[in-house]
């Protein structure tokens, strides 16, 4: 049974809880999101496996999950990127934010999300239990598709795409 780290609004740990229960109760917990860009400034998206317990079959950022108690967030992020997408990419911390979103299956994502960014032209080797497809796309194309077809994307990815830090990454390449 997988647990998440419950946190307060300052990101201080206040306990742990089984992952599904935390999502049923909508309790604030620590998470991370990884954004891998290629040398053209395109973002690597994954389409979540349809079998996921929420948001299955939706397009999202390269990788996202929850850190493990006692392990630095960045280390868990690197391990999960390898597990989900078969990639080993140096990650740099970008920013943190809190969001709350109501999902399918009566679940609530209430996360203190740590965002990491990496640069790689490597093609992923996806773990089919985690992702069923992938693609590189420009931020402009992603935003256009989100406008036309918002239900095709995860709630947290739509929030990430609105953040100014994401544009700053592409403009520095």
C-alpha atoms as a PDB file:
ATOM      1  CA  UNK A   1       0.000   0.000   0.000  1.00  0.00           C
ATOM      2  CA  UNK A   2       1.471   3.332  -1.084  1.00  0.00           C
ATOM      3  CA  UNK A   3       1.450   6.273   1.333  1.00  0.00           C
ATOM      4  CA  UNK A   4       1.709  10.011   0.754  1.00  0.00           C
ATOM      5  CA  UNK A   5       3.313  12.640   2.980  1.00  0.00           C
ATOM      6  CA  UNK A   6       0.729  15.003   4.454  1.00  0.00           C
ATOM      7  CA  UNK A   7       1.971  18.594   4.710  1.00  0.00           C
ATOM      8  CA  UNK A   8       0.770  21.991   5.870  1.00  0.00           C
ATOM      9  CA  UNK A   9       0.671  25.064   3.624  1.00  0.00           C
ATOM     10  CA  UNK A  10       4.340  25.733   4.437  1.00  0.00           C
ATOM     11  CA  UNK A  11       5.299  22.244   3.167  1.00  0.00           C
ATOM     12  CA  UNK A  12       6.132  20.986   6.675  1.00  0.00           C
ATOM     13  CA  UNK A  13       5.413  17.288   7.167  1.00  0.00           C
ATOM     14  CA  UNK A  14       2.494  16.561   9.486  1.00  0.00           C
ATOM     15  CA  UNK A  15       2.009  12.821   8.890  1.00  0.00           C
ATOM     16  CA  UNK A  16       1.382  10.151   6.295  1.00  0.00           C
ATOM     17  CA  UNK A  17      -1.728   8.520   4.891  1.00  0.00           C
ATOM     18  CA  UNK A  18      -2.560   5.796   2.411  1.00  0.00           C
ATOM     19  CA  UNK A  19      -2.621   7.431  -1.041  1.00  0.00           C
ATOM     20  CA  UNK A  20      -6.208   6.580  -2.003  1.00  0.00           C
ATOM     21  CA  UNK A  21      -7.559   7.741   1.365  1.00  0.00           C
ATOM     22  CA  UNK A  22      -5.718  11.076   1.040  1.00  0.00           C
ATOM     23  CA  UNK A  23      -7.267  11.550  -2.398  1.00  0.00           C
ATOM     24  CA  UNK A  24     -10.725  10.592  -1.121  1.00  0.00           C
ATOM     25  CA  UNK A  25     -10.465  13.106   1.743  1.00  0.00           C
ATOM     26  CA  UNK A  26      -8.717  15.808  -0.308  1.00  0.00           C
ATOM     27  CA  UNK A  27      -5.949  16.285   2.258  1.00  0.00           C
ATOM     28  CA  UNK A  28      -2.922  18.392   1.330  1.00  0.00           C
ATOM     29  CA  UNK A  29       0.058  16.176   0.509  1.00  0.00           C
ATOM     30  CA  UNK A  30       3.443  16.493  -1.161  1.00  0.00           C
ATOM     31  CA  UNK A  31       3.811  15.667  -4.839  1.00  0.00           C
ATOM     32  CA  UNK A  32       6.152  16.370  -7.714  1.00  0.00           C
ATOM     33  CA  UNK A  33       5.810  17.061 -11.414  1.00  0.00           C
ATOM     34  CA  UNK A  34       8.576  16.626 -13.981  1.00  0.00           C
ATOM     35  CA  UNK A  35       8.785  18.517 -17.256  1.00  0.00           C
ATOM     36  CA  UNK A  36      11.339  17.278 -19.796  1.00  0.00           C
ATOM     37  CA  UNK A  37      12.026  19.590 -22.724  1.00  0.00           C
ATOM     38  CA  UNK A  38      13.979  18.705 -25.844  1.00  0.00           C
ATOM     39  CA  UNK A  39      16.589  20.958 -27.458  1.00  0.00           C
ATOM     40  CA  UNK A  40      13.841  22.526 -29.632  1.00  0.00           C
ATOM     41  CA  UNK A  41      11.950  23.671 -26.512  1.00  0.00           C
ATOM     42  CA  UNK A  42       9.208  21.077 -26.952  1.00  0.00           C
ATOM     43  CA  UNK A  43       7.732  19.436 -23.865  1.00  0.00           C
ATOM     44  CA  UNK A  44       7.553  15.655 -23.512  1.00  0.00           C
ATOM     45  CA  UNK A  45       3.969  14.658 -22.650  1.00  0.00           C
ATOM     46  CA  UNK A  46       2.726  11.296 -21.520  1.00  0.00           C
ATOM     47  CA  UNK A  47      -0.769   9.926 -21.935  1.00  0.00           C
ATOM     48  CA  UNK A  48      -1.641   8.251 -18.645  1.00  0.00           C
ATOM     49  CA  UNK A  49      -2.515   4.568 -18.847  1.00  0.00           C
ATOM     50  CA  UNK A  50      -6.268   4.036 -19.027  1.00  0.00           C
ATOM     51  CA  UNK A  51      -5.958   1.656 -16.068  1.00  0.00           C
ATOM     52  CA  UNK A  52      -4.817   4.417 -13.639  1.00  0.00           C
ATOM     53  CA  UNK A  53      -7.165   4.902 -10.679  1.00  0.00           C
ATOM     54  CA  UNK A  54      -7.783   8.503 -11.704  1.00  0.00           C
ATOM     55  CA  UNK A  55      -7.233  10.636 -14.796  1.00  0.00           C
ATOM     56  CA  UNK A  56      -6.597   7.552 -16.950  1.00  0.00           C
ATOM     57  CA  UNK A  57      -6.151   8.151 -20.669  1.00  0.00           C
ATOM     58  CA  UNK A  58      -5.432  11.875 -20.219  1.00  0.00           C
ATOM     59  CA  UNK A  59      -2.394  13.786 -21.471  1.00  0.00           C
ATOM     60  CA  UNK A  60      -0.139  15.237 -18.799  1.00  0.00           C
ATOM     61  CA  UNK A  61       3.379  16.373 -18.015  1.00  0.00           C
ATOM     62  CA  UNK A  62       6.313  14.008 -18.496  1.00  0.00           C
ATOM     63  CA  UNK A  63       6.033  12.348 -15.080  1.00  0.00           C
ATOM     64  CA  UNK A  64       4.349  13.008 -11.742  1.00  0.00           C
ATOM     65  CA  UNK A  65       4.027  11.157  -8.473  1.00  0.00           C
ATOM     66  CA  UNK A  66       4.499  11.421  -4.728  1.00  0.00           C
ATOM     67  CA  UNK A  67       7.800  11.446  -2.818  1.00  0.00           C
ATOM     68  CA  UNK A  68       8.650   8.713  -0.351  1.00  0.00           C
ATOM     69  CA  UNK A  69       9.008   9.491   3.360  1.00  0.00           C
ATOM     70  CA  UNK A  70      12.659   9.961   4.246  1.00  0.00           C
ATOM     71  CA  UNK A  71      13.829  10.322   0.630  1.00  0.00           C
ATOM     72  CA  UNK A  72      14.636  13.714  -0.920  1.00  0.00           C
ATOM     73  CA  UNK A  73      11.921  14.779  -3.394  1.00  0.00           C
ATOM     74  CA  UNK A  74      14.436  15.155  -6.239  1.00  0.00           C
ATOM     75  CA  UNK A  75      15.742  11.606  -5.719  1.00  0.00           C
ATOM     76  CA  UNK A  76      12.223  10.153  -5.843  1.00  0.00           C
ATOM     77  CA  UNK A  77      11.520  12.233  -8.947  1.00  0.00           C
ATOM     78  CA  UNK A  78      14.600  10.869 -10.734  1.00  0.00           C
ATOM     79  CA  UNK A  79      13.696   7.304  -9.769  1.00  0.00           C
ATOM     80  CA  UNK A  80      10.078   7.657 -10.939  1.00  0.00           C
ATOM     81  CA  UNK A  81      11.175   9.233 -14.238  1.00  0.00           C
ATOM     82  CA  UNK A  82      13.308   6.158 -14.871  1.00  0.00           C
ATOM     83  CA  UNK A  83      10.473   3.810 -13.780  1.00  0.00           C
ATOM     84  CA  UNK A  84       7.691   5.500 -15.811  1.00  0.00           C
ATOM     85  CA  UNK A  85       9.511   6.823 -18.880  1.00  0.00           C
ATOM     86  CA  UNK A  86      12.778   4.852 -18.935  1.00  0.00           C
ATOM     87  CA  UNK A  87      14.797   8.071 -18.843  1.00  0.00           C
ATOM     88  CA  UNK A  88      17.739   9.270 -16.773  1.00  0.00           C
ATOM     89  CA  UNK A  89      17.843  13.045 -17.084  1.00  0.00           C
ATOM     90  CA  UNK A  90      19.450  15.572 -14.713  1.00  0.00           C
ATOM     91  CA  UNK A  91      16.621  17.463 -13.028  1.00  0.00           C
ATOM     92  CA  UNK A  92      16.619  21.035 -11.750  1.00  0.00           C
ATOM     93  CA  UNK A  93      14.114  22.368  -9.233  1.00  0.00           C
ATOM     94  CA  UNK A  94      11.884  25.048 -10.781  1.00  0.00           C
ATOM     95  CA  UNK A  95       9.190  26.045  -8.284  1.00  0.00           C
ATOM     96  CA  UNK A  96       6.453  24.869  -5.916  1.00  0.00           C
ATOM     97  CA  UNK A  97       2.728  25.541  -5.863  1.00  0.00           C
ATOM     98  CA  UNK A  98      -0.421  24.322  -4.124  1.00  0.00           C
ATOM     99  CA  UNK A  99      -3.536  23.313  -6.007  1.00  0.00           C
ATOM    100  CA  UNK A 100      -6.829  21.557  -5.384  1.00  0.00           C
ATOM    101  CA  UNK A 101      -8.733  19.815  -8.161  1.00  0.00           C
ATOM    102  CA  UNK A 102     -11.788  17.565  -8.243  1.00  0.00           C
ATOM    103  CA  UNK A 103     -11.176  14.429 -10.293  1.00  0.00           C
ATOM    104  CA  UNK A 104     -13.061  11.458 -11.651  1.00  0.00           C
ATOM    105  CA  UNK A 105     -14.074   8.650  -9.261  1.00  0.00           C
ATOM    106  CA  UNK A 106     -14.981  11.253  -6.569  1.00  0.00           C
ATOM    107  CA  UNK A 107     -11.309  11.936  -5.810  1.00  0.00           C
ATOM    108  CA  UNK A 108      -9.677  15.228  -4.857  1.00  0.00           C
ATOM    109  CA  UNK A 109      -6.095  16.153  -5.705  1.00  0.00           C
ATOM    110  CA  UNK A 110      -4.866  18.611  -3.084  1.00  0.00           C
ATOM    111  CA  UNK A 111      -1.144  18.804  -3.579  1.00  0.00           C
ATOM    112  CA  UNK A 112       1.897  20.814  -2.640  1.00  0.00           C
ATOM    113  CA  UNK A 113       3.600  20.207  -5.969  1.00  0.00           C
ATOM    114  CA  UNK A 114       7.384  20.468  -6.472  1.00  0.00           C
ATOM    115  CA  UNK A 115       8.167  21.074 -10.155  1.00  0.00           C
ATOM    116  CA  UNK A 116      11.411  19.797 -11.691  1.00  0.00           C
ATOM    117  CA  UNK A 117      12.682  20.484 -15.188  1.00  0.00           C
ATOM    118  CA  UNK A 118      15.159  18.616 -17.376  1.00  0.00           C
ATOM    119  CA  UNK A 119      16.479  18.840 -20.924  1.00  0.00           C
ATOM    120  CA  UNK A 120      16.869  15.752 -23.113  1.00  0.00           C
ATOM    121  CA  UNK A 121      16.426  14.650 -26.709  1.00  0.00           C
ATOM    122  CA  UNK A 122      16.239  11.023 -25.564  1.00  0.00           C
ATOM    123  CA  UNK A 123      13.143   9.095 -26.627  1.00  0.00           C
ATOM    124  CA  UNK A 124      11.283   7.564 -23.689  1.00  0.00           C
ATOM    125  CA  UNK A 125      10.726   3.857 -23.169  1.00  0.00           C
ATOM    126  CA  UNK A 126       7.385   3.978 -21.392  1.00  0.00           C
ATOM    127  CA  UNK A 127       6.213   1.621 -18.668  1.00  0.00           C
ATOM    128  CA  UNK A 128       2.817   0.600 -20.079  1.00  0.00           C
ATOM    129  CA  UNK A 129       1.335   0.332 -16.571  1.00  0.00           C
ATOM    130  CA  UNK A 130       1.989   4.062 -16.192  1.00  0.00           C
ATOM    131  CA  UNK A 131       1.649   5.553 -19.698  1.00  0.00           C
ATOM    132  CA  UNK A 132       0.076   4.402 -22.939  1.00  0.00           C
ATOM    133  CA  UNK A 133       1.568   7.011 -25.275  1.00  0.00           C
ATOM    134  CA  UNK A 134       3.947   9.977 -25.454  1.00  0.00           C
ATOM    135  CA  UNK A 135       4.797  12.903 -27.694  1.00  0.00           C
ATOM    136  CA  UNK A 136       6.882  16.063 -27.832  1.00  0.00           C
ATOM    137  CA  UNK A 137       4.890  19.250 -28.465  1.00  0.00           C
ATOM    138  CA  UNK A 138       5.511  22.986 -28.354  1.00  0.00           C
ATOM    139  CA  UNK A 139       3.963  24.954 -25.487  1.00  0.00           C
ATOM    140  CA  UNK A 140       1.908  26.918 -28.031  1.00  0.00           C
ATOM    141  CA  UNK A 141       0.515  23.714 -29.541  1.00  0.00           C
ATOM    142  CA  UNK A 142      -0.241  22.286 -26.093  1.00  0.00           C
ATOM    143  CA  UNK A 143      -2.083  25.441 -25.024  1.00  0.00           C
ATOM    144  CA  UNK A 144      -4.067  25.515 -28.283  1.00  0.00           C
ATOM    145  CA  UNK A 145      -5.082  21.890 -27.810  1.00  0.00           C
ATOM    146  CA  UNK A 146      -6.017  22.601 -24.166  1.00  0.00           C
ATOM    147  CA  UNK A 147      -8.321  25.378 -25.362  1.00  0.00           C
ATOM    148  CA  UNK A 148      -9.961  23.156 -27.987  1.00  0.00           C
ATOM    149  CA  UNK A 149     -10.060  19.945 -25.956  1.00  0.00           C
ATOM    150  CA  UNK A 150      -9.559  20.657 -22.212  1.00  0.00           C
ATOM    151  CA  UNK A 151     -11.033  17.317 -21.135  1.00  0.00           C
ATOM    152  CA  UNK A 152      -8.071  15.515 -22.783  1.00  0.00           C
ATOM    153  CA  UNK A 153      -5.613  16.852 -20.145  1.00  0.00           C
ATOM    154  CA  UNK A 154      -5.103  16.300 -16.422  1.00  0.00           C
ATOM    155  CA  UNK A 155      -6.248  19.047 -14.084  1.00  0.00           C
ATOM    156  CA  UNK A 156      -2.781  19.631 -12.592  1.00  0.00           C
ATOM    157  CA  UNK A 157      -1.118  19.864 -16.004  1.00  0.00           C
ATOM    158  CA  UNK A 158      -3.561  22.589 -17.061  1.00  0.00           C
ATOM    159  CA  UNK A 159      -2.557  24.532 -13.927  1.00  0.00           C
ATOM    160  CA  UNK A 160       1.169  24.001 -14.558  1.00  0.00           C
ATOM    161  CA  UNK A 161       0.809  25.272 -18.112  1.00  0.00           C
ATOM    162  CA  UNK A 162      -0.536  28.599 -16.781  1.00  0.00           C
ATOM    163  CA  UNK A 163       2.512  29.250 -14.609  1.00  0.00           C
ATOM    164  CA  UNK A 164       5.060  31.846 -15.771  1.00  0.00           C
ATOM    165  CA  UNK A 165       8.020  29.660 -14.718  1.00  0.00           C
ATOM    166  CA  UNK A 166       7.278  27.274 -17.603  1.00  0.00           C
ATOM    167  CA  UNK A 167       7.626  30.003 -20.236  1.00  0.00           C
ATOM    168  CA  UNK A 168      10.887  31.121 -18.640  1.00  0.00           C
ATOM    169  CA  UNK A 169      12.407  27.661 -19.216  1.00  0.00           C
ATOM    170  CA  UNK A 170      11.751  27.715 -22.947  1.00  0.00           C
ATOM    171  CA  UNK A 171      12.950  31.318 -23.368  1.00  0.00           C
ATOM    172  CA  UNK A 172      16.337  30.493 -21.760  1.00  0.00           C
ATOM    173  CA  UNK A 173      17.142  27.704 -24.210  1.00  0.00           C
END
